N, C-alpha and C. Protein backbone atom coordinates (compact mmCIF):
# COMPACT_ATOMS: atom_id res chain seq x y z
N MET A 1 17.63 0.27 -66.26
CA MET A 1 19.65 0.60 -66.74
C MET A 1 20.20 -0.29 -66.25
N ALA A 2 21.59 -0.64 -67.30
CA ALA A 2 21.65 -1.34 -66.37
C ALA A 2 22.97 -0.99 -65.71
N ALA A 3 22.98 -1.64 -64.56
CA ALA A 3 24.53 -1.03 -63.52
C ALA A 3 25.89 -1.87 -63.62
N ALA A 4 26.62 -1.04 -63.36
CA ALA A 4 27.92 -0.48 -64.27
C ALA A 4 28.74 -1.67 -63.38
N LYS A 5 29.59 -2.10 -64.67
CA LYS A 5 30.17 -3.08 -64.23
C LYS A 5 31.34 -3.09 -63.36
N PRO A 6 31.52 -3.77 -62.32
CA PRO A 6 32.71 -3.10 -61.00
C PRO A 6 34.16 -3.29 -61.69
N MET A 7 34.94 -2.76 -61.64
CA MET A 7 36.58 -2.28 -62.41
C MET A 7 37.22 -2.69 -61.88
N THR A 8 38.44 -3.42 -61.82
CA THR A 8 39.49 -3.24 -61.52
C THR A 8 40.36 -2.27 -61.33
N LEU A 9 41.39 -1.82 -60.49
CA LEU A 9 42.09 -0.93 -60.43
C LEU A 9 43.64 -1.19 -61.87
N GLN A 10 43.43 -2.03 -61.83
CA GLN A 10 44.64 -2.44 -63.03
C GLN A 10 43.94 -1.70 -64.39
N GLU A 11 42.79 -2.11 -64.71
CA GLU A 11 41.50 -1.71 -65.52
C GLU A 11 41.83 -0.36 -65.73
N ARG A 12 40.98 0.27 -64.69
CA ARG A 12 41.25 1.91 -64.60
C ARG A 12 41.84 2.21 -64.96
N ILE A 13 43.38 1.93 -64.57
CA ILE A 13 44.45 2.90 -65.11
C ILE A 13 44.58 2.20 -66.36
N LEU A 14 44.59 1.51 -67.24
CA LEU A 14 44.58 0.74 -68.03
C LEU A 14 43.97 2.05 -69.30
N GLN A 15 42.66 2.32 -68.76
CA GLN A 15 42.14 3.59 -69.37
C GLN A 15 42.70 4.58 -69.50
N ILE A 16 43.35 4.71 -68.64
CA ILE A 16 43.90 6.34 -68.11
C ILE A 16 45.35 6.55 -69.23
N ASP A 17 46.13 5.28 -69.23
CA ASP A 17 47.29 5.03 -70.42
C ASP A 17 48.33 3.69 -69.50
N HIS A 18 47.86 3.17 -70.73
CA HIS A 18 48.74 1.98 -71.25
C HIS A 18 50.07 1.55 -70.57
N ILE A 19 50.95 2.47 -70.84
CA ILE A 19 52.19 2.78 -70.42
C ILE A 19 52.15 3.06 -69.33
N GLN A 20 51.50 3.25 -68.12
CA GLN A 20 51.45 3.16 -66.80
C GLN A 20 50.91 2.03 -66.10
N ALA A 21 49.65 1.46 -67.06
CA ALA A 21 49.61 0.12 -66.61
C ALA A 21 50.29 -1.14 -66.12
N ARG A 22 51.06 -0.55 -67.27
CA ARG A 22 52.12 -1.61 -67.79
C ARG A 22 53.04 -1.58 -66.53
N ARG A 23 53.46 -0.79 -66.31
CA ARG A 23 54.68 -0.27 -64.76
C ARG A 23 53.55 -0.94 -63.69
N PHE A 24 52.26 -0.16 -63.57
CA PHE A 24 52.07 -0.41 -62.71
C PHE A 24 51.84 -2.45 -62.24
N MET A 25 51.66 -2.99 -63.36
CA MET A 25 51.58 -4.44 -63.18
C MET A 25 53.34 -5.22 -62.71
N LYS A 26 54.57 -4.31 -62.75
CA LYS A 26 55.88 -4.74 -62.27
C LYS A 26 55.94 -4.86 -61.25
N LEU A 27 54.85 -3.47 -60.37
CA LEU A 27 55.06 -3.42 -59.05
C LEU A 27 54.82 -4.75 -58.54
N ASN A 28 55.66 -4.65 -56.82
CA ASN A 28 55.90 -5.56 -55.75
C ASN A 28 55.98 -5.14 -54.49
N GLY A 29 55.61 -5.99 -53.26
CA GLY A 29 55.97 -5.72 -52.19
C GLY A 29 55.19 -4.13 -52.28
N ASP A 30 55.85 -3.25 -51.15
CA ASP A 30 55.61 -2.48 -50.60
C ASP A 30 55.23 -1.24 -51.76
N SER A 31 56.05 -1.38 -52.73
CA SER A 31 55.84 -0.26 -53.51
C SER A 31 54.18 0.09 -54.20
N ILE A 32 53.68 -1.56 -54.70
CA ILE A 32 52.77 -1.84 -54.95
C ILE A 32 51.27 -1.00 -53.87
N ASP A 33 51.78 -1.27 -52.61
CA ASP A 33 50.93 -0.67 -51.79
C ASP A 33 50.86 0.72 -51.87
N ILE A 34 52.05 1.30 -51.66
CA ILE A 34 51.91 2.82 -51.88
C ILE A 34 51.46 3.55 -53.20
N ALA A 35 51.91 2.38 -54.31
CA ALA A 35 50.96 2.87 -55.36
C ALA A 35 49.85 2.36 -55.73
N THR A 36 48.95 1.86 -55.13
CA THR A 36 47.60 1.29 -55.04
C THR A 36 46.76 2.12 -53.88
N GLN A 37 47.41 3.12 -53.16
CA GLN A 37 47.11 3.86 -52.39
C GLN A 37 46.68 5.58 -52.96
N GLY A 38 48.33 5.35 -53.46
CA GLY A 38 48.08 6.84 -53.76
C GLY A 38 47.69 7.13 -55.16
N ILE A 39 46.72 5.81 -56.03
CA ILE A 39 46.43 5.99 -57.52
C ILE A 39 44.72 6.43 -56.82
N ILE A 40 44.23 5.26 -55.69
CA ILE A 40 43.25 5.27 -55.90
C ILE A 40 42.55 6.98 -55.29
N ARG A 41 43.39 7.66 -54.14
CA ARG A 41 43.28 9.03 -53.58
C ARG A 41 43.09 10.11 -55.10
N HIS A 42 43.79 9.69 -56.00
CA HIS A 42 44.00 10.70 -57.15
C HIS A 42 42.37 10.11 -58.44
N LEU A 43 42.01 9.19 -57.87
CA LEU A 43 40.66 9.01 -58.69
C LEU A 43 39.87 9.33 -57.94
N ARG A 44 39.48 9.58 -56.64
CA ARG A 44 38.83 10.04 -55.72
C ARG A 44 38.83 11.11 -55.84
N ALA A 45 40.04 11.78 -56.20
CA ALA A 45 39.86 13.14 -56.21
C ALA A 45 39.17 14.14 -57.60
N CYS A 46 40.08 13.34 -58.28
CA CYS A 46 39.38 13.65 -59.60
C CYS A 46 37.65 13.30 -59.74
N ALA A 47 36.87 12.20 -59.09
CA ALA A 47 35.65 12.14 -59.38
C ALA A 47 35.00 13.53 -58.48
N ARG A 48 35.71 13.72 -57.28
CA ARG A 48 35.12 14.73 -56.92
C ARG A 48 34.73 16.00 -57.43
N MET A 49 35.78 16.27 -57.94
CA MET A 49 35.87 17.46 -58.94
C MET A 49 35.80 16.97 -59.96
N ASP A 50 34.95 16.13 -60.41
CA ASP A 50 34.26 16.05 -61.95
C ASP A 50 35.54 16.40 -63.13
N VAL A 51 36.61 16.08 -62.90
CA VAL A 51 37.26 16.27 -63.98
C VAL A 51 37.99 14.58 -64.35
N ASN A 52 38.54 13.94 -65.88
CA ASN A 52 39.39 13.52 -66.02
C ASN A 52 40.67 12.78 -65.16
N PRO A 53 40.74 11.84 -64.65
CA PRO A 53 42.49 11.61 -64.17
C PRO A 53 43.81 11.72 -64.81
N ASP A 54 44.69 12.28 -64.41
CA ASP A 54 46.07 12.83 -65.23
C ASP A 54 46.36 11.79 -65.27
N ALA A 55 47.54 11.54 -66.43
CA ALA A 55 48.45 10.04 -66.21
C ALA A 55 49.53 10.77 -65.94
N SER A 56 50.00 12.20 -66.55
CA SER A 56 51.13 12.45 -65.21
C SER A 56 51.51 12.00 -63.72
N ALA A 57 50.02 12.43 -63.65
CA ALA A 57 50.37 11.78 -61.93
C ALA A 57 49.50 10.18 -61.44
N VAL A 58 49.02 9.80 -62.71
CA VAL A 58 49.68 8.67 -61.94
C VAL A 58 51.50 8.07 -62.31
N ARG A 59 51.26 8.04 -63.34
CA ARG A 59 53.00 8.14 -63.44
C ARG A 59 53.89 8.38 -62.10
N GLU A 60 53.20 9.75 -61.52
CA GLU A 60 54.26 10.42 -60.59
C GLU A 60 54.46 9.19 -59.52
N ILE A 61 52.94 8.79 -59.29
CA ILE A 61 52.52 8.25 -57.91
C ILE A 61 53.39 6.87 -58.46
N ILE A 62 53.14 6.21 -59.54
CA ILE A 62 54.13 5.12 -59.89
C ILE A 62 55.82 5.36 -59.39
N ASP A 63 56.37 6.38 -59.86
CA ASP A 63 57.59 6.77 -59.78
C ASP A 63 58.52 7.12 -58.30
N ASP A 64 57.22 7.70 -57.57
CA ASP A 64 57.29 7.88 -55.99
C ASP A 64 57.14 6.45 -54.99
N ALA A 65 56.75 5.33 -55.65
CA ALA A 65 56.55 4.04 -54.89
C ALA A 65 56.94 3.47 -54.89
N LEU A 66 58.04 3.44 -56.90
CA LEU A 66 58.96 2.91 -57.35
C LEU A 66 60.11 3.30 -55.44
N ASN A 67 60.51 4.24 -55.50
CA ASN A 67 61.17 5.15 -54.78
C ASN A 67 60.87 5.03 -53.36
N GLY A 68 59.57 3.80 -52.94
CA GLY A 68 59.48 4.50 -51.69
C GLY A 68 58.90 5.41 -50.96
N ARG A 69 58.45 6.11 -51.62
CA ARG A 69 57.69 7.74 -50.98
C ARG A 69 56.47 7.51 -50.90
N ARG A 70 55.68 8.08 -49.84
CA ARG A 70 53.76 8.37 -49.98
C ARG A 70 53.66 9.07 -50.41
N VAL A 71 53.37 10.05 -51.51
CA VAL A 71 52.64 10.92 -51.83
C VAL A 71 51.12 11.68 -50.97
N PHE A 72 50.78 12.44 -50.57
CA PHE A 72 49.65 12.62 -49.82
C PHE A 72 49.17 14.27 -50.67
N ALA A 73 48.15 13.76 -51.23
CA ALA A 73 47.59 15.43 -51.78
C ALA A 73 46.74 16.36 -50.23
N GLU A 74 47.22 17.48 -50.59
CA GLU A 74 46.39 18.63 -49.59
C GLU A 74 44.59 17.99 -49.19
N THR A 75 43.97 17.60 -48.53
CA THR A 75 42.68 17.61 -48.08
C THR A 75 42.42 19.09 -47.37
N SER A 76 40.60 19.13 -47.64
CA SER A 76 40.46 20.27 -46.72
C SER A 76 40.65 19.89 -45.30
N ASN A 77 40.90 18.90 -44.79
CA ASN A 77 40.67 18.73 -43.14
C ASN A 77 42.23 18.65 -42.92
N ASP A 78 42.87 18.58 -44.01
CA ASP A 78 44.37 19.16 -43.83
C ASP A 78 44.57 20.77 -43.58
N LEU A 79 44.23 21.49 -44.72
CA LEU A 79 44.03 22.74 -44.19
C LEU A 79 43.68 23.38 -43.13
N LEU A 80 42.07 22.96 -42.42
CA LEU A 80 41.80 22.96 -41.26
C LEU A 80 42.56 23.04 -39.89
N ALA A 81 43.35 22.16 -39.96
CA ALA A 81 44.45 21.95 -38.60
C ALA A 81 45.38 22.54 -38.81
N ALA A 82 46.12 23.34 -40.07
CA ALA A 82 47.08 24.24 -39.98
C ALA A 82 46.64 25.63 -39.43
């Protein structure tokens, strides 16, 4: 079995939605850091739950990054702390 080729975040977003991939490419500064963190968290959550990433969630993460908002999903650790 051949090893999977490593994929960049840009390539992964392109697989989800080409429009959001173009929007992601235009980000810079703090907004790209915010979007990167949010999208990586979304991809990890989708992998954990064995579901496909949602294009509308990626769009929302990019919108929030453009507005300078960091959005974090609740995790099981957050629920235990409450």
